Amino acid sequence: MSMNKARYTQEVPEDRKELLNALNEHKKPVKIMILGGVDTGKTTLATFLANELLSSGFRIAIIDSDIGQKGILPPATISLGFPEGLFESFGEIKAYKHYFVGSITPNQFFGEMIAGVKLLTDEAEKKADIIIIDTTGMISGAGVELKRMKIETVKPDVIVALQKENELEPILKPFEEKTQIFRLEVSKKVRKFSREERREIRKEKWKKYFRDSKSYTVNLNHFIISGTQLFQGEDINENEKSLLEALFKWLIIHGRKIGGKYLIVKVDTSNIPRQVDKNVLQYIDFEKLSNLLLGMIDKDGFCVGLGILKFVNFRDMKAEILTPLDEETIKEIREIRFGRVRVREDGEELGLLDRNAL
């Protein structure tokens, strides 16, 4: 199976041509946001538009914010790329900058989704005539609010809605008077992908991204650590530690007291039922931290690449991180941000952690 679902084709429904004409007329730079449910051909449309507009001599930026089905590597980030020439699929575009989200679903990560698209759009406007923003297929329930806030923040000049019936109307309604909206039909050629297929496609992408990774041992004290509470507050003292260990039959690897609440990293020493008041005490199994996705962040808050946390020694504040980044790039990193997806370098996803887990 091809690693990228979308391919460049010029055989498209007529309404795509009208959209192209409108974009040609628009005052530059112009921002286009493409909306549509899962498997409606958003990326295929973005690929078609970008190639046609490149052929007309425009400078194009693509923002790929479909974190679960990313064309521009790697997943779990929002990426900005400037295609130089015609391309078959997003996979050929080299990212110029990424924003780290740290998960493969927008659930619990609305803030990151909005901040990332906004910051990368600002970057894109410095260099491109036309900015094409590809989004996730999350368009119902809370997805309506996510898309609304994204539109309010990014202020696209044109919204392109790929809909089968009228499933996007709840998103479009507030912008009817303010923004130019193109409602396009979903192409008959669109293929449906099962969850398994999506996961397989993602597995290939993870594997490709981490293919030439090296292991580095880093001193966490040399970086800003974000995306987690693990290093906030203060260390728990020996008394608290012994008390909690005796009470819950845990071996405590690391413990913090943050605003009157305990956050514990532990290993179970016996198999007993435990009643824990989550308002006072939050805990995570030490093994859940292994293979956790990390964002390597530069001084401007952009993600220069990903790492996988292999081991963390809390006492010495040392971590073993697997990453394809080279020594030079690692020198540019100011911040290490914890994600919420666990993944191995062979591409196998080990599951998602809750936003509040760590």
Protein backbone atom coordinates (compact mmCIF):
# COMPACT_ATOMS: atom_id res chain seq x y z
CA MET A 1 0.00 0.00 0.00
CA SER A 2 1.25 3.47 -0.84
CA MET A 3 2.27 5.44 2.22
CA ASN A 4 0.28 8.45 1.13
CA LYS A 5 -3.41 8.26 0.45
CA ALA A 6 -3.56 11.28 -1.85
CA ARG A 7 -2.09 11.60 -5.34
CA TYR A 8 -1.98 14.44 -7.87
CA THR A 9 -4.57 14.10 -10.60
CA GLN A 10 -6.02 16.61 -13.05
CA GLU A 11 -9.21 14.62 -13.52
CA VAL A 12 -11.37 16.55 -11.09
CA PRO A 13 -15.00 17.67 -10.88
CA GLU A 14 -15.78 20.97 -12.70
CA ASP A 15 -16.38 22.95 -9.51
CA ARG A 16 -12.61 22.74 -8.75
CA LYS A 17 -11.92 24.91 -11.81
CA GLU A 18 -14.23 27.68 -10.59
CA LEU A 19 -12.39 27.68 -7.29
CA LEU A 20 -9.05 27.99 -9.12
CA ASN A 21 -10.29 30.97 -11.12
CA ALA A 22 -11.43 32.68 -7.94
CA LEU A 23 -8.04 32.10 -6.30
CA ASN A 24 -6.25 33.54 -9.31
CA GLU A 25 -8.29 36.75 -8.93
CA HIS A 26 -7.78 37.12 -5.16
CA LYS A 27 -5.50 39.75 -3.67
CA LYS A 28 -2.34 38.00 -2.42
CA PRO A 29 -1.42 36.54 0.00
CA VAL A 30 -4.57 34.43 0.17
CA LYS A 31 -5.28 31.84 2.85
CA ILE A 32 -7.44 28.84 1.97
CA MET A 33 -8.70 26.39 4.57
CA ILE A 34 -10.00 23.03 3.36
CA LEU A 35 -12.69 21.37 5.49
CA GLY A 36 -14.24 17.94 5.14
CA GLY A 37 -14.96 14.75 7.04
CA VAL A 38 -12.81 11.65 6.94
CA ASP A 39 -12.16 10.32 3.41
CA THR A 40 -13.62 13.29 1.51
CA GLY A 41 -10.47 13.99 -0.52
CA LYS A 42 -9.13 17.07 1.32
CA THR A 43 -5.48 16.25 0.67
CA THR A 44 -6.15 15.26 -2.94
CA LEU A 45 -7.84 18.62 -3.46
CA ALA A 46 -4.98 20.46 -1.73
CA THR A 47 -2.49 18.63 -3.98
CA PHE A 48 -4.48 19.51 -7.12
CA LEU A 49 -4.82 23.19 -6.17
CA ALA A 50 -1.16 23.53 -5.20
CA ASN A 51 0.09 22.01 -8.47
CA GLU A 52 -2.24 24.07 -10.64
CA LEU A 53 -1.31 27.28 -8.82
CA LEU A 54 2.41 26.44 -8.93
CA SER A 55 2.02 25.99 -12.69
CA SER A 56 0.61 29.52 -12.84
CA GLY A 57 3.75 30.84 -11.17
CA PHE A 58 2.46 31.43 -7.65
CA ARG A 59 4.55 30.73 -4.55
CA ILE A 60 2.64 28.14 -2.55
CA ALA A 61 2.71 27.19 1.11
CA ILE A 62 1.05 24.06 2.44
CA ILE A 63 0.13 23.61 6.06
CA ASP A 64 -0.61 19.99 6.84
CA SER A 65 -2.51 19.89 10.11
CA ASP A 66 -4.04 16.44 9.66
CA ILE A 67 -1.95 15.07 12.54
CA GLY A 68 -3.23 11.49 12.27
CA GLN A 69 -2.93 11.15 8.50
CA LYS A 70 0.03 13.41 7.83
CA GLY A 71 1.40 13.56 4.31
CA ILE A 72 4.36 15.74 5.28
CA LEU A 73 6.39 13.74 7.80
CA PRO A 74 6.24 13.20 10.75
CA PRO A 75 2.82 12.48 12.35
CA ALA A 76 1.78 14.19 15.62
CA THR A 77 2.98 17.57 14.31
CA ILE A 78 1.52 20.32 12.16
CA SER A 79 3.90 21.03 9.29
CA LEU A 80 4.57 23.89 6.90
CA GLY A 81 6.19 23.23 3.53
CA PHE A 82 6.89 25.26 0.39
CA PRO A 83 6.76 22.92 -2.62
CA GLU A 84 9.41 24.00 -5.15
CA GLY A 85 7.92 22.29 -8.18
CA LEU A 86 5.09 19.96 -9.14
CA PHE A 87 4.60 17.07 -6.75
CA GLU A 88 2.62 13.83 -6.70
CA SER A 89 1.84 13.72 -2.99
CA PHE A 90 2.50 15.60 0.27
CA GLY A 91 5.11 12.97 1.12
CA GLU A 92 7.52 14.63 -1.32
CA ILE A 93 7.35 18.00 0.43
CA LYS A 94 10.17 18.73 2.83
CA ALA A 95 8.92 20.53 5.91
CA TYR A 96 10.22 24.03 6.53
CA LYS A 97 8.88 24.15 10.09
CA HIS A 98 6.79 21.99 12.42
CA TYR A 99 4.62 22.66 15.44
CA PHE A 100 4.50 19.84 18.00
CA VAL A 101 1.07 18.55 19.00
CA GLY A 102 2.24 15.24 20.47
CA SER A 103 -0.81 13.15 19.64
CA ILE A 104 -2.41 11.64 16.56
CA THR A 105 -5.89 12.91 17.38
CA PRO A 106 -6.98 16.48 18.13
CA ASN A 107 -9.03 15.29 21.13
CA GLN A 108 -7.67 17.06 24.24
CA PHE A 109 -5.28 19.09 22.02
CA PHE A 110 -7.45 21.90 20.64
CA GLY A 111 -5.07 24.56 21.98
CA GLU A 112 -2.07 23.04 20.19
CA MET A 113 -4.03 22.58 16.96
CA ILE A 114 -5.08 26.22 16.90
CA ALA A 115 -1.75 27.69 18.05
CA GLY A 116 0.16 25.53 15.57
CA VAL A 117 -1.92 26.40 12.53
CA LYS A 118 -1.89 30.09 13.45
CA LEU A 119 1.89 30.30 14.02
CA LEU A 120 2.70 28.39 10.83
CA THR A 121 0.23 30.50 8.83
CA ASP A 122 2.02 33.63 10.07
CA GLU A 123 5.32 32.11 8.90
CA ALA A 124 3.84 31.14 5.54
CA GLU A 125 2.51 34.64 4.88
CA LYS A 126 6.08 35.99 4.88
CA LYS A 127 7.00 33.91 1.83
CA ALA A 128 3.96 32.66 -0.09
CA ASP A 129 1.25 34.07 -2.36
CA ILE A 130 -1.19 31.31 -1.58
CA ILE A 131 -1.41 29.33 1.65
CA ILE A 132 -3.33 26.06 1.59
CA ILE A 133 -4.35 24.68 4.98
CA ASP A 134 -5.32 21.00 5.16
CA THR A 135 -7.27 19.99 8.29
CA THR A 136 -8.35 16.84 10.17
CA GLY A 137 -11.60 15.03 9.42
CA MET A 138 -12.99 15.85 12.86
CA ILE A 139 -16.07 17.86 11.91
CA SER A 140 -18.85 16.86 14.29
CA GLY A 141 -19.42 17.15 18.03
CA ALA A 142 -16.48 19.02 19.57
CA GLY A 143 -14.93 19.13 16.09
CA VAL A 144 -17.40 21.88 15.18
CA GLU A 145 -15.94 24.07 17.93
CA LEU A 146 -12.36 23.20 17.01
CA LYS A 147 -12.94 24.24 13.40
CA ARG A 148 -14.80 27.40 14.49
CA MET A 149 -11.93 28.52 16.73
CA LYS A 150 -9.40 27.66 14.03
CA ILE A 151 -11.28 29.77 11.48
CA GLU A 152 -11.72 32.63 13.97
CA THR A 153 -7.99 32.60 14.76
CA VAL A 154 -6.47 32.04 11.31
CA LYS A 155 -9.06 34.13 9.42
CA PRO A 156 -8.86 32.31 6.08
CA ASP A 157 -9.87 34.35 3.01
CA VAL A 158 -11.48 31.30 1.46
CA ILE A 159 -13.06 28.25 3.08
CA VAL A 160 -13.42 25.19 0.89
CA ALA A 161 -16.04 22.77 2.15
CA LEU A 162 -16.02 19.22 0.79
CA GLN A 163 -19.31 17.77 1.87
CA LYS A 164 -21.39 14.74 1.02
CA GLU A 165 -24.70 16.21 2.19
CA ASN A 166 -24.73 19.18 4.54
CA GLU A 167 -22.59 17.88 7.40
CA LEU A 168 -20.35 20.97 7.41
CA GLU A 169 -23.15 23.53 7.72
CA PRO A 170 -22.85 23.84 11.54
CA ILE A 171 -19.21 24.89 11.00
CA LEU A 172 -19.90 27.17 8.03
CA LYS A 173 -22.96 29.02 9.33
CA PRO A 174 -21.17 31.63 11.51
CA PHE A 175 -18.87 32.55 8.59
CA GLU A 176 -21.46 32.79 5.83
CA GLU A 177 -21.37 36.60 5.73
CA LYS A 178 -17.69 37.09 6.60
CA THR A 179 -15.72 34.68 4.44
CA GLN A 180 -15.88 33.43 0.87
CA ILE A 181 -17.08 29.82 1.06
CA PHE A 182 -16.87 27.28 -1.75
CA ARG A 183 -18.99 24.19 -1.27
CA LEU A 184 -17.55 21.42 -3.42
CA GLU A 185 -18.86 17.95 -4.06
CA VAL A 186 -16.89 14.97 -2.81
CA SER A 187 -15.25 13.25 -5.77
CA LYS A 188 -16.72 9.89 -6.79
CA LYS A 189 -13.18 8.47 -6.81
CA VAL A 190 -12.57 8.96 -3.08
CA ARG A 191 -11.57 5.71 -1.41
CA LYS A 192 -12.53 4.77 2.14
CA PHE A 193 -9.83 3.72 4.59
CA SER A 194 -10.49 1.58 7.66
CA ARG A 195 -8.95 2.43 11.02
CA GLU A 196 -6.58 -0.50 10.55
CA GLU A 197 -5.44 0.83 7.18
CA ARG A 198 -4.89 4.29 8.65
CA ARG A 199 -2.84 2.81 11.43
CA GLU A 200 -0.78 0.81 8.92
CA ILE A 201 -0.15 3.92 6.83
CA ARG A 202 0.91 5.76 10.00
CA LYS A 203 3.13 2.84 11.01
CA GLU A 204 5.02 3.15 7.71
CA LYS A 205 5.44 6.87 8.29
CA TRP A 206 6.74 6.52 11.83
CA LYS A 207 9.12 3.82 10.63
CA LYS A 208 10.39 5.95 7.77
CA TYR A 209 10.84 8.97 10.03
CA PHE A 210 12.78 7.10 12.74
CA ARG A 211 14.70 4.89 10.31
CA ASP A 212 18.18 6.35 10.82
CA SER A 213 17.83 7.25 14.47
CA LYS A 214 20.63 7.40 17.00
CA SER A 215 20.43 7.21 20.75
CA TYR A 216 21.55 10.22 22.79
CA THR A 217 21.86 10.55 26.54
CA VAL A 218 20.87 14.07 27.50
CA ASN A 219 20.89 16.01 30.74
CA LEU A 220 17.32 17.24 31.23
CA ASN A 221 18.57 20.12 33.39
CA HIS A 222 20.00 21.68 30.23
CA PHE A 223 16.56 22.03 28.62
CA ILE A 224 13.25 23.62 29.36
CA ILE A 225 10.89 20.69 29.92
CA SER A 226 7.31 21.35 28.83
CA GLY A 227 4.11 19.45 28.06
CA THR A 228 4.23 17.70 31.42
CA GLN A 229 3.89 18.40 35.15
CA LEU A 230 6.58 15.84 36.01
CA PHE A 231 9.11 18.54 36.89
CA GLN A 232 6.81 21.19 38.33
CA GLY A 233 6.37 21.98 42.02
CA GLU A 234 8.85 20.48 44.45
CA ASP A 235 10.24 17.05 45.33
CA ILE A 236 8.28 15.05 47.85
CA ASN A 237 10.25 14.45 51.02
CA GLU A 238 11.45 11.09 52.35
CA ASN A 239 8.62 10.83 54.89
CA GLU A 240 5.90 11.38 52.30
CA LYS A 241 7.64 8.92 50.00
CA SER A 242 7.85 6.11 52.63
CA LEU A 243 4.28 6.72 53.73
CA LEU A 244 2.88 6.50 50.19
CA GLU A 245 5.02 3.44 49.40
CA ALA A 246 3.78 1.62 52.51
CA LEU A 247 0.18 2.65 51.95
CA PHE A 248 -0.12 1.70 48.28
CA LYS A 249 2.58 -0.99 47.98
CA TRP A 250 4.45 1.06 45.40
CA LEU A 251 8.07 1.69 44.62
CA ILE A 252 8.16 5.43 43.99
CA ILE A 253 10.62 6.37 41.24
CA HIS A 254 9.82 10.08 41.25
CA GLY A 255 7.38 12.24 43.20
CA ARG A 256 6.38 15.90 43.09
CA LYS A 257 4.09 18.07 45.12
CA ILE A 258 2.36 20.56 42.84
CA GLY A 259 -0.07 23.07 44.32
CA GLY A 260 -1.23 20.79 47.11
CA LYS A 261 -1.47 17.71 44.91
CA TYR A 262 0.92 14.77 44.54
CA LEU A 263 2.17 13.50 41.20
CA ILE A 264 3.87 10.11 41.50
CA VAL A 265 5.80 7.93 39.05
CA LYS A 266 5.68 4.40 40.47
CA VAL A 267 6.12 0.68 40.00
CA ASP A 268 3.71 -1.70 41.77
CA THR A 269 5.39 -3.98 44.31
CA SER A 270 2.31 -6.10 44.91
CA ASN A 271 -0.99 -6.79 43.27
CA ILE A 272 -3.58 -5.26 45.60
CA PRO A 273 -6.73 -3.22 44.89
CA ARG A 274 -6.05 0.46 45.55
CA GLN A 275 -8.43 3.30 46.25
CA VAL A 276 -6.80 6.56 45.23
CA ASP A 277 -8.37 10.01 45.46
CA LYS A 278 -7.38 11.52 42.12
CA ASN A 279 -7.95 15.04 43.43
CA VAL A 280 -5.11 14.62 45.89
CA LEU A 281 -2.87 12.06 44.24
CA GLN A 282 -2.13 11.39 40.63
CA TYR A 283 0.13 8.56 39.54
CA ILE A 284 1.60 7.04 36.41
CA ASP A 285 3.38 3.74 35.87
CA PHE A 286 7.09 4.16 35.17
CA GLU A 287 6.86 1.88 32.13
CA LYS A 288 4.26 4.17 30.53
CA LEU A 289 7.01 6.75 30.06
CA SER A 290 9.05 4.47 27.83
CA ASN A 291 8.56 5.01 24.10
CA LEU A 292 6.80 8.29 24.75
CA LEU A 293 6.97 10.74 21.85
CA LEU A 294 8.96 13.92 22.50
CA GLY A 295 9.07 17.18 20.57
CA MET A 296 12.48 18.79 20.16
CA ILE A 297 11.75 22.52 20.23
CA ASP A 298 13.94 25.43 19.11
CA LYS A 299 14.24 28.91 20.62
CA ASP A 300 11.29 30.17 18.55
CA GLY A 301 8.91 27.47 19.80
CA PHE A 302 8.96 25.45 16.58
CA CYS A 303 9.61 21.73 16.52
CA VAL A 304 12.81 20.72 14.72
CA GLY A 305 12.07 17.02 15.00
CA LEU A 306 10.81 14.20 17.17
CA GLY A 307 12.40 11.86 19.66
CA ILE A 308 11.33 8.72 21.48
CA LEU A 309 11.98 8.60 25.22
CA LYS A 310 13.72 5.29 25.89
CA PHE A 311 14.63 5.68 29.53
CA VAL A 312 14.62 8.39 32.15
CA ASN A 313 16.75 8.45 35.29
CA PHE A 314 14.97 10.93 37.53
CA ARG A 315 17.70 10.96 40.17
CA ASP A 316 20.41 12.14 37.77
CA MET A 317 17.95 13.95 35.47
CA LYS A 318 19.33 12.03 32.50
CA ALA A 319 17.23 10.72 29.63
CA GLU A 320 17.98 8.38 26.78
CA ILE A 321 16.34 9.69 23.63
CA LEU A 322 16.20 8.08 20.21
CA THR A 323 16.00 10.59 17.35
CA PRO A 324 16.96 10.97 13.69
CA LEU A 325 18.30 14.48 14.45
CA ASP A 326 22.05 15.03 14.14
CA GLU A 327 24.41 16.55 16.71
CA GLU A 328 24.24 19.99 15.09
CA THR A 329 20.43 20.14 15.21
CA ILE A 330 20.39 18.87 18.77
CA LYS A 331 22.55 21.87 19.73
CA GLU A 332 19.69 24.14 18.58
CA ILE A 333 17.16 22.54 20.91
CA ARG A 334 16.09 24.69 23.84
CA GLU A 335 13.10 22.72 25.02
CA ILE A 336 11.92 19.12 25.19
CA ARG A 337 8.14 18.77 25.09
CA PHE A 338 6.36 15.62 26.21
CA GLY A 339 3.74 14.16 23.88
CA ARG A 340 0.94 11.73 24.68
CA VAL A 341 1.42 9.00 22.10
CA ARG A 342 3.70 6.02 22.72
CA VAL A 343 5.39 4.68 19.61
CA ARG A 344 8.34 2.43 18.83
CA GLU A 345 10.94 3.21 16.19
CA ASP A 346 9.61 0.31 14.09
CA GLY A 347 6.38 2.30 13.78
CA GLU A 348 4.27 0.27 16.18
CA GLU A 349 1.95 2.51 18.21
CA LEU A 350 1.67 1.42 21.84
CA GLY A 351 -1.27 3.65 22.72
CA LEU A 352 -2.27 7.15 23.79
CA LEU A 353 -1.96 8.62 27.25
CA ASP A 354 -4.55 10.94 28.69
CA ARG A 355 -3.71 14.65 28.49
CA ASN A 356 -3.65 14.85 32.30
CA ALA A 357 -1.72 11.60 32.83
CA LEU A 358 1.62 13.36 33.26
